[in-house]
Amino acid sequence: MHNQGRTHKLRYPALHILLIDDDRIQLTLTAAMLAQSGITSVTCLQLDELLEALRTDTFDVLLTDVQMPAMNGFDLLRLLRASNIPQAKTIPVIAVTARSDMKREEFLQHGFAGSLHKPFTVNELLAEIGVLQADIATVDATPSSTLNFSAVTALSCDDADVAHSRL
């Protein structure tokens, strides 16, 4: 288990994210993306590390790889929901996958709170977490931190549904 600290001005105040993946490079990359935005994280390579983290710390979101050798993300989600660890029963879980055969709606139907398809950008990661944390986090509304979504929405061709899906 490794902690990544806050190093920049917080865009998402007080978010603390738990990550599990069997790929150390993917964990490091994702944790760095979060840290760049002032979000703390704890990374786990193994299930026992994840369960210990859930017992000893409080997290806002769990990002789990879907295809891990010891336990896939679907089985992990079922295990957590049946767990006697209170936080494990309710923590929003985002599926992280390289599988192109599954769409977001399918992950939602399986009980995930969201999904990210690898490779993903910092903006995609933050958007997925931001969607889940709308009730918890507030974006600093000072003019210096005004968010500009023009690059994200530029490809929507004035189609509101496409623009919404990109955000």
Foldseek 3Di string as FASTA:
>chain_A
DDKDAADDPAQWPPAEEEEEDLDPVVQVVVQVLQNVRRYMYDYDDDPVVVVVCLQPHDHQAYEYEQDDDPHGPLVQLVCLCPDPRVRSVDHAYEYEYQDPVDDFVVVVVSPHPTYHHPPDDSVVVCVSVCVSCVVPTDGPPDPVRDDDCCVQCVVVVPPVVSSVVSD
